[in-house]
Amino acid sequence: MEPTALGPLRRVADRLALGLMLLGGALFLAATLLITGDVIARNFFGFSTRSTIELSGYALAIGISWSLAGVLARRAHIRVDLLVRKLPPKPRAYAHLLAFCLLTVFAGYLGYGAWMLVDESLMFNATDISALRAPLWIPQALWAGGMFFFLLCVLLRTLDILLLTLAGRYDDVETVAGARNDMDEAEETLEAIGAREALRR
């Protein structure tokens, strides 16, 4: 597929998004270990961090926001596209473009709301209610950063889809915007098997 003017930039953003998604997954694991450790400490040793709920909540919220762009890069967001799949290539491409325009607006609202929350916490010097008394703007800023990066990735993909659609490259639009299908899953599985075999050698 010949890239558009935005294609290389979008692919760089996609690679960063996948890396950020791995960090989000690591935060989920950290939250699990923290909760497990706190339960064991309370039941067997009689003490608690008294901050587990807040810290695990921060980890989950940040992990989700950091994973949004990675899921977009993998084209793995849940989509109801039963009717879209039945359309001819040209109207299907415009349907994808409309969907991503709406997603851009939605992501913009998420980013705006995230910024307003951080700004409010800074204005009132808000802290959490745990023993840590951590300034709320710190975890909120990390969470908002994921939202803004998601917005950037959505915007890049939307503009790339627009350029492909205007150029009449409807099959390429499907590659960039369409939901993953069985063939995509099969190819990814074969690539993972090949990578594993290469490591064993």
Protein backbone atom coordinates (compact mmCIF):
# COMPACT_ATOMS: atom_id res chain seq x y z
CA MET A 1 0.00 0.00 0.00
CA GLU A 2 1.48 3.33 -1.07
CA PRO A 3 1.32 5.66 1.96
CA THR A 4 -0.39 9.03 1.87
CA ALA A 5 1.37 12.16 3.10
CA LEU A 6 0.18 11.37 6.63
CA GLY A 7 0.76 7.61 6.41
CA PRO A 8 4.31 7.53 7.85
CA LEU A 9 3.39 9.88 10.70
CA ARG A 10 0.33 7.79 11.52
CA ARG A 11 2.43 4.62 11.58
CA VAL A 12 4.90 6.20 14.00
CA ALA A 13 1.98 7.21 16.22
CA ASP A 14 0.64 3.65 15.97
CA ARG A 15 3.96 2.20 17.13
CA LEU A 16 4.06 4.61 20.07
CA ALA A 17 0.45 3.71 20.85
CA LEU A 18 1.26 -0.01 20.98
CA GLY A 19 4.15 0.69 23.35
CA LEU A 20 1.92 2.82 25.54
CA MET A 21 -0.65 0.02 25.55
CA LEU A 22 1.98 -2.37 26.93
CA LEU A 23 2.69 0.12 29.72
CA GLY A 24 -1.05 0.28 30.39
CA GLY A 25 -1.10 -3.50 30.70
CA ALA A 26 1.83 -3.32 33.13
CA LEU A 27 -0.21 -0.90 35.26
CA PHE A 28 -3.07 -3.42 35.36
CA LEU A 29 -0.61 -6.06 36.55
CA ALA A 30 0.79 -3.67 39.16
CA ALA A 31 -2.73 -2.96 40.45
CA THR A 32 -3.39 -6.71 40.72
CA LEU A 33 -0.17 -7.29 42.67
CA LEU A 34 -0.89 -4.32 44.95
CA ILE A 35 -4.41 -5.52 45.76
CA THR A 36 -3.23 -9.10 46.30
CA GLY A 37 -0.39 -7.95 48.55
CA ASP A 38 -2.71 -5.76 50.59
CA VAL A 39 -5.22 -8.59 51.09
CA ILE A 40 -2.46 -10.95 52.24
CA ALA A 41 -0.96 -8.31 54.54
CA ARG A 42 -4.33 -7.57 56.18
CA ASN A 43 -5.29 -11.21 56.68
CA PHE A 44 -1.95 -12.63 57.81
CA PHE A 45 0.09 -9.73 59.16
CA GLY A 46 -2.53 -7.32 60.42
CA PHE A 47 -1.59 -4.19 58.50
CA SER A 48 -2.59 -2.38 55.32
CA THR A 49 -1.14 0.27 53.05
CA ARG A 50 -4.36 2.29 53.58
CA SER A 51 -3.88 3.57 50.03
CA THR A 52 -4.61 0.48 47.96
CA ILE A 53 -8.01 1.63 46.70
CA GLU A 54 -6.65 4.99 45.50
CA LEU A 55 -3.44 3.62 43.95
CA SER A 56 -5.17 0.74 42.19
CA GLY A 57 -7.84 3.16 40.94
CA TYR A 58 -5.17 5.43 39.50
CA ALA A 59 -3.44 2.46 37.85
CA LEU A 60 -6.65 1.23 36.25
CA ALA A 61 -7.73 4.66 35.01
CA ILE A 62 -4.29 5.49 33.59
CA GLY A 63 -3.93 2.00 32.10
CA ILE A 64 -7.26 2.34 30.30
CA SER A 65 -6.46 5.78 28.86
CA TRP A 66 -2.98 4.67 27.79
CA SER A 67 -4.46 1.65 26.02
CA LEU A 68 -7.11 3.46 23.95
CA ALA A 69 -4.73 4.52 21.16
CA GLY A 70 -3.11 1.08 21.02
CA VAL A 71 -6.46 -0.63 20.59
CA LEU A 72 -7.21 1.87 17.81
CA ALA A 73 -3.88 1.05 16.13
CA ARG A 74 -4.78 -2.66 16.21
CA ARG A 75 -8.27 -1.87 14.87
CA ALA A 76 -9.68 -3.81 17.81
CA HIS A 77 -12.35 -1.46 19.16
CA ILE A 78 -15.77 -3.11 19.22
CA ARG A 79 -17.77 -2.06 16.18
CA VAL A 80 -21.20 -2.99 14.86
CA ASP A 81 -20.48 -3.09 11.13
CA LEU A 82 -22.89 -5.72 9.85
CA LEU A 83 -24.47 -3.29 7.36
CA VAL A 84 -21.22 -1.49 6.49
CA ARG A 85 -19.58 -4.75 5.40
CA LYS A 86 -22.36 -5.26 2.85
CA LEU A 87 -21.82 -1.89 1.17
CA PRO A 88 -19.82 -1.51 -2.07
CA PRO A 89 -16.25 -0.19 -1.60
CA LYS A 90 -16.95 3.51 -2.27
CA PRO A 91 -19.92 4.03 0.10
CA ARG A 92 -18.18 1.79 2.65
CA ALA A 93 -15.15 4.10 2.56
CA TYR A 94 -17.37 7.14 3.16
CA ALA A 95 -19.12 5.31 6.00
CA HIS A 96 -15.72 4.67 7.60
CA LEU A 97 -14.82 8.32 7.13
CA LEU A 98 -18.05 9.45 8.80
CA ALA A 99 -17.47 7.04 11.69
CA PHE A 100 -13.97 8.37 12.28
CA CYS A 101 -15.15 11.98 12.06
CA LEU A 102 -17.65 11.22 14.82
CA LEU A 103 -14.94 9.41 16.80
CA THR A 104 -12.73 12.50 16.48
CA VAL A 105 -15.48 14.65 17.99
CA PHE A 106 -15.98 12.13 20.80
CA ALA A 107 -12.23 11.93 21.50
CA GLY A 108 -12.11 15.74 21.51
CA TYR A 109 -14.78 15.84 24.21
CA LEU A 110 -12.81 13.27 26.23
CA GLY A 111 -9.65 15.35 25.95
CA TYR A 112 -11.45 18.55 26.87
CA GLY A 113 -13.12 16.94 29.88
CA ALA A 114 -9.80 15.46 31.02
CA TRP A 115 -8.09 18.84 30.80
CA MET A 116 -10.89 20.55 32.74
CA LEU A 117 -10.55 17.98 35.52
CA VAL A 118 -6.78 18.49 35.80
CA ASP A 119 -7.21 22.26 35.71
CA GLU A 120 -9.80 22.13 38.50
CA SER A 121 -7.53 19.98 40.68
CA LEU A 122 -4.67 22.42 40.17
CA MET A 123 -6.90 25.38 40.93
CA PHE A 124 -8.08 23.96 44.27
CA ASN A 125 -4.82 22.13 45.10
CA ALA A 126 -6.92 18.97 45.56
CA THR A 127 -5.46 15.84 47.16
CA ASP A 128 -6.78 12.32 47.50
CA ILE A 129 -8.35 11.07 50.74
CA SER A 130 -5.83 8.29 51.36
CA ALA A 131 -2.92 8.36 53.80
CA LEU A 132 -0.72 9.54 50.93
CA ARG A 133 -2.58 12.84 50.46
CA ALA A 134 -1.24 12.80 46.89
CA PRO A 135 -1.99 15.84 44.70
CA LEU A 136 -4.76 14.69 42.38
CA TRP A 137 -3.41 16.55 39.36
CA ILE A 138 -0.50 14.09 39.06
CA PRO A 139 -2.49 10.90 38.33
CA GLN A 140 -5.10 12.96 36.50
CA ALA A 141 -2.44 14.45 34.22
CA LEU A 142 -1.12 10.97 33.39
CA TRP A 143 -4.68 9.86 32.66
CA ALA A 144 -5.37 12.98 30.58
CA GLY A 145 -2.15 12.43 28.63
CA GLY A 146 -3.52 9.11 27.41
CA MET A 147 -6.74 10.82 26.36
CA PHE A 148 -4.88 13.50 24.40
CA PHE A 149 -2.67 10.91 22.70
CA PHE A 150 -5.80 8.97 21.75
CA LEU A 151 -7.24 12.15 20.25
CA LEU A 152 -4.04 12.71 18.26
CA CYS A 153 -4.08 9.16 16.90
CA VAL A 154 -7.77 9.38 15.98
CA LEU A 155 -7.18 12.70 14.20
CA LEU A 156 -4.20 11.33 12.22
CA ARG A 157 -6.15 8.25 11.18
CA THR A 158 -9.20 10.31 10.21
CA LEU A 159 -7.12 12.63 8.02
CA ASP A 160 -5.35 9.63 6.46
CA ILE A 161 -8.73 8.04 5.68
CA LEU A 162 -9.91 11.35 4.17
CA LEU A 163 -6.88 11.50 1.85
CA LEU A 164 -7.32 7.87 0.80
CA THR A 165 -11.03 8.37 0.16
CA LEU A 166 -10.51 11.49 -1.92
CA ALA A 167 -7.88 9.62 -3.94
CA GLY A 168 -10.36 6.82 -4.64
CA ARG A 169 -8.25 4.23 -2.81
CA TYR A 170 -11.22 2.49 -1.20
CA ASP A 171 -9.49 -0.84 -0.55
CA ASP A 172 -6.74 0.99 1.34
CA VAL A 173 -9.40 2.77 3.40
CA GLU A 174 -10.66 -0.65 4.47
CA THR A 175 -7.13 -1.62 5.52
CA VAL A 176 -6.76 1.52 7.66
CA ALA A 177 -10.30 1.91 8.98
CA GLY A 178 -12.05 -1.44 8.77
CA ALA A 179 -12.54 -3.73 11.73
CA ARG A 180 -10.25 -6.72 12.04
CA ASN A 181 -11.51 -9.85 10.32
CA ASP A 182 -10.66 -13.55 10.55
CA MET A 183 -7.82 -13.20 8.04
CA ASP A 184 -6.22 -10.43 10.08
CA GLU A 185 -6.38 -12.61 13.19
CA ALA A 186 -4.92 -15.58 11.31
CA GLU A 187 -2.05 -13.50 9.88
CA GLU A 188 -1.22 -12.12 13.33
CA THR A 189 -1.20 -15.63 14.79
CA LEU A 190 1.14 -16.87 12.06
CA GLU A 191 3.45 -13.89 12.61
CA ALA A 192 3.55 -14.61 16.35
CA ILE A 193 4.34 -18.29 15.70
CA GLY A 194 7.08 -17.29 13.26
CA ALA A 195 8.59 -14.86 15.76
CA ARG A 196 8.56 -17.52 18.47
CA GLU A 197 10.25 -20.04 16.19
CA ALA A 198 12.89 -17.45 15.28
CA LEU A 199 13.66 -16.87 18.97
CA ARG A 200 14.07 -20.60 19.58
CA ARG A 201 16.67 -20.81 16.84
